[in-house]
């Protein structure tokens, strides 16, 4: 299907194909697993997370084309050093699929070694909060009377730490963060593990308003939204070519609307959603500044709304085709907090218009339209088509309101 047999296998397993599921079971020691967090380089490689249905273990899977098989050597070396032999399956096209426990992830080996040398941290049960194979992992550890969230990454996280610390030092809603010598280990203390709870949209809006008053860092990049939009179009046109014309039309519409937005750049979180805001009651902090940038405030607002729309509509599939009917309630709750939070902080920019927020929401929905593919969803093609319908609904609704 995609010119790489390991990728076809993972998608087939996601759709429930018995032979594909049996092969993954054999590669994980008889465990029933589901694939997700799929990341591909077309025709060259695919990386995925395998999650045990029992919830007790995480694995990584790496599909490598014949031209990329040499990359498996480092993975085997890492596993061998831990006394683990990786499972491997060879395909007729010359590609291979390597599978190993998360602890053997070759790209996180350096960060793992640094973590092992951090004496004040010890793992607590169910310590892994998130795992994106060959890229990053998030764990929670106990340190004396506090809990510490630890992020391990293949690339330095120094910029993320600098952003969090700059906000915390200025009295903003972020937690002081320390980074390891290599920059691949980020440690953020919490009061207790139980304090890491999501907050409501109004509180999230208040906190975001304070984030947007933060002075941008010298190293903060400008938001490359046109490049992100182009990347979404390229990927979606390849995954669902039958919808290519519609994708390009949506892209042109969104680009036209966003290009006309007033330019008043602020410090952006870059990946703002309910999951990035933690706290208790009306209090909270914002976490995870890996993608911070400088750009229009509507981008962060649209990001939050897009994730909320997908979360709520996924829970009520009957509403999937008409997100414009659900958007106002989410938007208004978020904006009520955003306006209240900004009023006391002397905001340095005009408030985004409803049309701007809607356009940014459409852009973030389009960026997330490929998520069913990444999740190896059984009906990922149809699910992508439904998400494109969501973007079209917002675009048409916005056009009707402006006319």
Protein backbone atom coordinates (compact mmCIF):
# COMPACT_ATOMS: atom_id res chain seq x y z
CA UNK A 1 0.00 0.00 0.00
CA UNK A 2 2.70 2.50 1.05
CA UNK A 3 5.78 0.86 -0.42
CA UNK A 4 7.02 -0.33 3.00
CA UNK A 5 5.77 -3.69 4.28
CA UNK A 6 6.29 -3.00 8.02
CA UNK A 7 4.00 0.03 7.73
CA UNK A 8 1.37 -2.02 5.93
CA UNK A 9 1.61 -4.63 8.70
CA UNK A 10 1.05 -2.10 11.50
CA UNK A 11 -1.98 -0.64 9.74
CA UNK A 12 -3.36 -4.12 9.06
CA UNK A 13 -2.96 -5.03 12.73
CA UNK A 14 -4.84 -1.86 13.66
CA UNK A 15 -7.72 -2.89 11.42
CA UNK A 16 -7.88 -6.26 13.18
CA UNK A 17 -6.31 -8.42 10.45
CA UNK A 18 -5.63 -11.75 12.24
CA UNK A 19 -2.28 -12.60 10.62
CA UNK A 20 -0.88 -9.12 11.30
CA UNK A 21 -1.98 -9.20 14.93
CA UNK A 22 -0.53 -12.69 15.32
CA UNK A 23 2.84 -11.51 14.00
CA UNK A 24 2.97 -8.60 16.46
CA UNK A 25 1.99 -11.00 19.23
CA UNK A 26 4.88 -13.29 18.33
CA UNK A 27 7.32 -10.35 18.29
CA UNK A 28 6.30 -9.25 21.79
CA UNK A 29 6.53 -12.59 23.56
CA UNK A 30 2.89 -13.56 23.16
CA UNK A 31 1.45 -10.25 24.33
CA UNK A 32 -1.62 -8.64 22.79
CA UNK A 33 -0.57 -5.15 21.69
CA UNK A 34 -2.03 -2.19 19.84
CA UNK A 35 0.04 0.09 17.61
CA UNK A 36 0.00 3.88 17.74
CA UNK A 37 2.14 7.04 17.72
CA UNK A 38 3.10 6.03 14.20
CA UNK A 39 5.73 8.20 12.51
CA UNK A 40 6.97 7.54 8.97
CA UNK A 41 9.44 8.62 6.36
CA UNK A 42 7.69 7.57 3.14
CA UNK A 43 9.10 4.30 1.71
CA UNK A 44 12.10 4.48 4.10
CA UNK A 45 11.10 3.87 7.71
CA UNK A 46 8.30 3.80 10.25
CA UNK A 47 8.46 4.06 14.03
CA UNK A 48 5.53 3.10 16.26
CA UNK A 49 4.61 2.51 19.87
CA UNK A 50 3.15 -0.84 20.87
CA UNK A 51 0.98 -0.78 23.98
CA UNK A 52 0.04 -3.97 25.77
CA UNK A 53 -3.72 -4.33 26.02
CA UNK A 54 -3.22 -5.23 29.68
CA UNK A 55 -1.75 -1.75 30.18
CA UNK A 56 1.35 -3.23 31.79
CA UNK A 57 4.01 -2.55 29.17
CA UNK A 58 5.20 -0.36 26.32
CA UNK A 59 7.28 -1.38 23.32
CA UNK A 60 8.79 0.29 20.30
CA UNK A 61 8.66 -1.00 16.75
CA UNK A 62 10.93 0.16 13.95
CA UNK A 63 10.27 -0.74 10.34
CA UNK A 64 13.33 -0.13 8.18
CA UNK A 65 13.58 -0.41 4.41
CA UNK A 66 16.43 -2.36 2.82
CA UNK A 67 18.31 0.94 2.43
CA UNK A 68 17.79 1.81 6.12
CA UNK A 69 18.53 -1.55 7.74
CA UNK A 70 21.93 -0.37 8.95
CA UNK A 71 20.10 1.81 11.50
CA UNK A 72 19.07 -1.34 13.28
CA UNK A 73 22.64 -1.97 14.42
CA UNK A 74 22.56 0.69 17.15
CA UNK A 75 19.23 -0.62 18.40
CA UNK A 76 20.62 -4.14 18.67
CA UNK A 77 23.74 -2.85 20.46
CA UNK A 78 21.66 -0.92 23.00
CA UNK A 79 19.44 -3.93 23.69
CA UNK A 80 22.42 -6.27 23.95
CA UNK A 81 24.00 -4.03 26.59
CA UNK A 82 20.84 -4.47 28.65
CA UNK A 83 20.82 -8.22 28.14
CA UNK A 84 17.85 -8.14 25.78
CA UNK A 85 17.62 -9.63 22.31
CA UNK A 86 15.37 -7.69 19.97
CA UNK A 87 12.67 -9.50 18.04
CA UNK A 88 13.00 -9.18 14.28
CA UNK A 89 10.94 -10.05 11.22
CA UNK A 90 12.19 -9.84 7.63
CA UNK A 91 9.88 -9.03 4.73
CA UNK A 92 9.97 -9.98 1.07
CA UNK A 93 10.78 -6.40 0.02
CA UNK A 94 14.04 -6.50 1.99
CA UNK A 95 12.70 -4.43 4.88
CA UNK A 96 12.70 -5.52 8.52
CA UNK A 97 10.62 -4.87 11.62
CA UNK A 98 12.52 -4.62 14.92
CA UNK A 99 10.63 -4.74 18.20
CA UNK A 100 11.88 -4.14 21.72
CA UNK A 101 10.74 -3.04 25.20
CA UNK A 102 10.66 0.72 25.80
CA UNK A 103 13.66 0.38 28.12
CA UNK A 104 15.81 -0.57 25.13
CA UNK A 105 14.95 2.55 23.08
CA UNK A 106 18.26 3.36 21.32
CA UNK A 107 17.54 7.06 20.82
CA UNK A 108 16.87 7.62 24.52
CA UNK A 109 19.92 5.69 25.73
CA UNK A 110 21.99 8.79 26.58
CA UNK A 111 19.14 10.38 28.53
CA UNK A 112 18.49 7.09 30.34
CA UNK A 113 22.12 6.91 31.44
CA UNK A 114 21.92 10.45 32.83
CA UNK A 115 18.72 9.58 34.64
CA UNK A 116 20.33 6.51 36.19
CA UNK A 117 23.10 8.77 37.49
CA UNK A 118 20.62 11.12 39.20
CA UNK A 119 20.67 9.78 42.77
CA UNK A 120 17.74 11.77 44.18
CA UNK A 121 15.21 10.20 41.80
CA UNK A 122 13.63 6.78 42.11
CA UNK A 123 10.84 5.39 39.92
CA UNK A 124 7.37 5.00 41.38
CA UNK A 125 4.80 2.47 40.11
CA UNK A 126 3.30 3.22 36.69
CA UNK A 127 5.91 5.91 36.21
CA UNK A 128 5.61 6.34 32.44
CA UNK A 129 3.17 9.13 31.55
CA UNK A 130 3.87 9.23 27.83
CA UNK A 131 6.15 7.53 25.35
CA UNK A 132 6.92 8.52 21.78
CA UNK A 133 9.41 5.89 20.53
CA UNK A 134 12.83 6.99 19.33
CA UNK A 135 11.94 10.57 20.26
CA UNK A 136 10.90 11.18 23.89
CA UNK A 137 9.44 9.73 27.07
CA UNK A 138 7.77 11.38 30.06
CA UNK A 139 7.95 9.73 33.46
CA UNK A 140 7.10 10.68 37.01
CA UNK A 141 9.54 10.05 39.86
CA UNK A 142 9.56 10.62 43.61
CA UNK A 143 12.16 12.89 45.12
CA UNK A 144 11.86 13.17 48.90
CA UNK A 145 8.42 14.70 49.58
CA UNK A 146 7.74 15.89 46.05
CA UNK A 147 7.06 14.35 42.69
CA UNK A 148 9.24 15.16 39.71
CA UNK A 149 8.16 14.89 36.10
CA UNK A 150 11.11 13.77 33.99
CA UNK A 151 11.22 14.17 30.24
CA UNK A 152 13.83 12.23 28.27
CA UNK A 153 14.52 13.19 24.67
CA UNK A 154 16.83 12.39 21.80
CA UNK A 155 17.38 16.12 21.15
CA UNK A 156 18.33 18.82 23.68
CA UNK A 157 15.49 20.39 25.65
CA UNK A 158 17.43 23.47 26.75
CA UNK A 159 15.14 25.89 24.88
CA UNK A 160 12.07 24.40 26.55
CA UNK A 161 13.70 24.74 29.98
CA UNK A 162 14.74 28.32 29.25
CA UNK A 163 11.16 29.24 28.37
CA UNK A 164 9.67 27.62 31.48
CA UNK A 165 12.26 29.23 33.75
CA UNK A 166 11.85 32.68 32.18
CA UNK A 167 8.10 32.54 32.81
CA UNK A 168 8.52 31.21 36.36
CA UNK A 169 11.12 33.85 37.21
CA UNK A 170 8.80 36.62 36.03
CA UNK A 171 6.03 35.32 38.29
CA UNK A 172 4.14 33.62 35.47
CA UNK A 173 2.27 30.29 35.57
CA UNK A 174 5.15 27.88 34.95
CA UNK A 175 7.30 25.64 37.11
CA UNK A 176 11.07 26.06 37.60
CA UNK A 177 12.78 23.39 35.54
CA UNK A 178 16.29 22.01 35.55
CA UNK A 179 18.03 20.46 32.60
CA UNK A 180 20.86 17.93 32.52
CA UNK A 181 24.34 18.61 31.18
CA UNK A 182 23.49 17.14 27.79
CA UNK A 183 20.13 18.90 27.66
CA UNK A 184 18.35 15.60 27.00
CA UNK A 185 16.88 15.31 30.48
CA UNK A 186 14.32 17.80 31.80
CA UNK A 187 13.22 17.69 35.45
CA UNK A 188 10.15 19.57 36.66
CA UNK A 189 9.06 19.30 40.32
CA UNK A 190 5.39 19.04 41.29
CA UNK A 191 3.90 19.46 44.74
CA UNK A 192 2.49 15.91 44.66
CA UNK A 193 1.61 13.44 41.92
CA UNK A 194 -2.08 14.21 42.57
CA UNK A 195 -1.57 17.90 41.71
CA UNK A 196 -1.00 17.04 38.05
CA UNK A 197 -4.67 17.32 37.12
CA UNK A 198 -6.13 19.11 34.07
CA UNK A 199 -8.09 22.32 34.71
CA UNK A 200 -11.24 23.73 33.10
CA UNK A 201 -11.22 25.87 29.95
CA UNK A 202 -11.84 29.15 31.78
CA UNK A 203 -8.83 28.61 34.03
CA UNK A 204 -6.78 27.56 31.01
CA UNK A 205 -7.74 30.83 29.31
CA UNK A 206 -6.63 32.91 32.31
CA UNK A 207 -3.27 31.16 32.40
CA UNK A 208 -2.78 31.52 28.65
CA UNK A 209 -3.38 35.28 28.86
CA UNK A 210 -0.51 35.51 31.34
CA UNK A 211 1.72 33.40 29.10
CA UNK A 212 1.02 35.77 26.22
CA UNK A 213 2.34 38.72 28.23
CA UNK A 214 5.73 37.02 28.60
CA UNK A 215 8.50 38.78 26.71
CA UNK A 216 9.72 36.49 23.89
CA UNK A 217 13.15 34.97 24.39
CA UNK A 218 15.96 35.89 22.05
CA UNK A 219 16.02 32.31 20.77
CA UNK A 220 12.24 31.99 20.35
CA UNK A 221 11.53 31.21 16.67
CA UNK A 222 8.72 32.85 14.75
CA UNK A 223 5.72 30.63 14.15
CA UNK A 224 6.12 29.09 10.70
CA UNK A 225 2.42 28.48 10.17
CA UNK A 226 2.64 28.49 6.38
CA UNK A 227 5.25 25.72 6.50
CA UNK A 228 3.09 23.74 8.93
CA UNK A 229 0.08 24.19 6.65
CA UNK A 230 2.06 23.07 3.62
CA UNK A 231 3.31 19.98 5.48
CA UNK A 232 -0.26 19.06 6.43
CA UNK A 233 -1.39 19.39 2.82
CA UNK A 234 1.49 17.24 1.55
CA UNK A 235 0.86 14.47 4.06
CA UNK A 236 -2.91 14.39 3.68
CA UNK A 237 -2.71 14.47 -0.12
CA UNK A 238 -0.48 11.41 0.06
CA UNK A 239 -2.50 9.50 2.67
CA UNK A 240 -5.93 10.16 1.13
CA UNK A 241 -5.23 11.24 -2.47
CA UNK A 242 -8.94 11.00 -3.28
CA UNK A 243 -9.40 14.06 -1.05
CA UNK A 244 -6.37 15.94 -2.35
CA UNK A 245 -8.37 18.62 -4.17
CA UNK A 246 -10.50 19.29 -1.10
CA UNK A 247 -7.41 19.49 1.12
CA UNK A 248 -5.77 22.03 -1.16
CA UNK A 249 -8.95 24.10 -1.32
CA UNK A 250 -9.21 24.16 2.47
CA UNK A 251 -5.56 25.15 2.71
CA UNK A 252 -6.03 28.06 0.33
CA UNK A 253 -9.05 29.27 2.27
CA UNK A 254 -7.26 29.10 5.62
CA UNK A 255 -4.12 30.72 4.28
CA UNK A 256 -6.14 33.60 2.85
CA UNK A 257 -7.92 34.20 6.14
CA UNK A 258 -4.79 33.95 8.28
CA UNK A 259 -2.74 36.15 5.96
CA UNK A 260 -5.24 38.95 6.59
CA UNK A 261 -5.02 38.65 10.37
CA UNK A 262 -3.48 41.63 12.20
CA UNK A 263 0.13 41.06 13.16
CA UNK A 264 0.76 41.51 16.87
CA UNK A 265 3.15 38.70 17.77
CA UNK A 266 3.29 37.40 21.32
CA UNK A 267 5.09 34.62 23.15
CA UNK A 268 3.28 31.39 22.18
CA UNK A 269 3.13 28.08 24.00
CA UNK A 270 2.96 26.38 20.61
CA UNK A 271 1.02 23.23 21.57
CA UNK A 272 -1.63 24.54 23.93
CA UNK A 273 -4.32 22.12 25.11
CA UNK A 274 -6.02 20.90 28.28
CA UNK A 275 -3.21 18.38 28.79
CA UNK A 276 -0.64 21.18 29.02
CA UNK A 277 -2.39 22.93 31.92
CA UNK A 278 -2.15 21.32 35.35
CA UNK A 279 -3.40 22.30 38.78
CA UNK A 280 -6.09 22.12 41.40
CA UNK A 281 -9.31 24.12 41.42
CA UNK A 282 -8.85 27.61 40.03
CA UNK A 283 -5.06 27.44 40.30
CA UNK A 284 -2.76 26.01 37.69
CA UNK A 285 0.45 26.09 35.73
CA UNK A 286 1.30 25.61 32.08
CA UNK A 287 3.84 22.93 31.15
CA UNK A 288 5.74 21.62 28.12
CA UNK A 289 7.23 24.55 26.21
CA UNK A 290 9.02 22.38 23.64
CA UNK A 291 7.28 24.14 20.74
CA UNK A 292 7.22 27.71 22.04
CA UNK A 293 7.49 30.42 19.42
CA UNK A 294 6.46 33.97 18.60
CA UNK A 295 3.29 34.58 16.63
CA UNK A 296 -0.40 35.48 16.65
CA UNK A 297 -2.17 34.75 19.97
CA UNK A 298 -5.04 33.18 18.04
CA UNK A 299 -2.79 30.20 17.30
CA UNK A 300 -2.69 29.05 20.94
CA UNK A 301 -6.41 29.68 21.35
CA UNK A 302 -7.18 27.75 18.17
CA UNK A 303 -4.93 24.89 19.26
CA UNK A 304 -6.83 24.48 22.53
CA UNK A 305 -10.23 24.67 20.83
CA UNK A 306 -9.23 22.17 18.12
CA UNK A 307 -8.16 19.57 20.67
CA UNK A 308 -11.32 20.14 22.72
CA UNK A 309 -13.50 19.77 19.64
CA UNK A 310 -11.85 16.50 18.70
CA UNK A 311 -12.04 15.16 22.25
CA UNK A 312 -15.70 16.02 22.72
CA UNK A 313 -16.85 15.05 19.26
CA UNK A 314 -14.97 11.73 19.41
CA UNK A 315 -17.06 10.99 22.49
CA UNK A 316 -20.24 11.85 20.55
CA UNK A 317 -19.68 10.65 16.96
CA UNK A 318 -23.10 11.88 15.84
CA UNK A 319 -21.86 15.48 16.10
CA UNK A 320 -18.76 14.86 14.01
CA UNK A 321 -19.88 16.64 10.86
CA UNK A 322 -21.00 19.89 12.51
CA UNK A 323 -18.20 21.22 14.75
CA UNK A 324 -19.32 24.80 14.10
CA UNK A 325 -22.26 24.08 16.39
CA UNK A 326 -19.96 22.97 19.21
CA UNK A 327 -17.23 25.58 18.80
CA UNK A 328 -18.95 28.63 20.38
CA UNK A 329 -19.41 27.02 23.82
CA UNK A 330 -15.78 25.91 24.00
CA UNK A 331 -14.49 29.18 22.59
CA UNK A 332 -16.60 31.35 24.89
CA UNK A 333 -15.51 29.48 28.03
CA UNK A 334 -11.86 29.75 27.03
CA UNK A 335 -12.17 33.42 26.04
CA UNK A 336 -13.97 34.38 29.25
CA UNK A 337 -10.89 33.28 31.16
CA UNK A 338 -8.50 34.72 28.57
CA UNK A 339 -10.09 38.18 28.74
CA UNK A 340 -10.21 38.11 32.54
CA UNK A 341 -6.62 36.97 32.79
CA UNK A 342 -5.40 39.58 30.35
CA UNK A 343 -7.25 42.48 31.97
CA UNK A 344 -5.11 42.34 35.07
CA UNK A 345 -1.88 41.84 33.18
CA UNK A 346 -1.99 44.91 30.94
CA UNK A 347 -1.97 42.93 27.67
CA UNK A 348 0.34 44.30 24.99
CA UNK A 349 -1.82 43.26 22.06
CA UNK A 350 -5.42 43.59 20.81
CA UNK A 351 -7.62 40.61 21.55
CA UNK A 352 -7.97 38.19 18.60
CA UNK A 353 -11.25 38.44 16.70
CA UNK A 354 -13.66 35.51 16.58
CA UNK A 355 -12.88 35.09 12.88
CA UNK A 356 -9.15 34.83 13.60
CA UNK A 357 -9.72 32.25 16.31
CA UNK A 358 -11.95 30.23 14.00
CA UNK A 359 -9.34 30.28 11.22
CA UNK A 360 -6.58 29.20 13.61
CA UNK A 361 -8.85 26.44 14.90
CA UNK A 362 -9.28 25.24 11.31
CA UNK A 363 -5.53 25.22 10.78
CA UNK A 364 -4.94 23.13 13.90
CA UNK A 365 -7.76 20.75 12.97
CA UNK A 366 -6.18 20.26 9.55
CA UNK A 367 -2.82 19.59 11.21
CA UNK A 368 -4.49 16.90 13.33
CA UNK A 369 -6.50 15.37 10.51
CA UNK A 370 -3.87 12.66 10.03
CA UNK A 371 -4.08 11.47 13.65
CA UNK A 372 -6.28 8.44 12.83
CA UNK A 373 -3.49 7.22 10.54
CA UNK A 374 -0.88 7.75 13.26
CA UNK A 375 -3.11 5.87 15.69
CA UNK A 376 -3.47 2.94 13.25
CA UNK A 377 -7.24 3.33 13.63
CA UNK A 378 -9.28 0.55 12.01
CA UNK A 379 -11.03 2.98 9.65
CA UNK A 380 -8.34 5.64 9.45
CA UNK A 381 -9.16 6.72 5.89
CA UNK A 382 -12.81 7.38 6.74
CA UNK A 383 -11.80 9.06 9.99
CA UNK A 384 -9.48 11.43 8.12
CA UNK A 385 -12.28 12.23 5.69
CA UNK A 386 -14.57 13.07 8.61
CA UNK A 387 -11.97 15.42 10.08
CA UNK A 388 -11.65 17.15 6.72
CA UNK A 389 -15.41 17.60 6.82
CA UNK A 390 -14.99 19.30 10.18
CA UNK A 391 -12.51 21.81 8.73
CA UNK A 392 -14.79 22.42 5.76
CA UNK A 393 -17.72 23.03 8.11
CA UNK A 394 -15.79 25.70 10.00
CA UNK A 395 -14.56 27.27 6.77
CA UNK A 396 -18.07 27.46 5.29
CA UNK A 397 -19.54 28.72 8.56
CA UNK A 398 -16.90 31.44 8.73
CA UNK A 399 -17.52 32.46 5.12
CA UNK A 400 -21.27 32.69 5.73
CA UNK A 401 -20.75 34.85 8.83
CA UNK A 402 -18.49 37.27 6.96
CA UNK A 403 -20.79 37.58 3.92
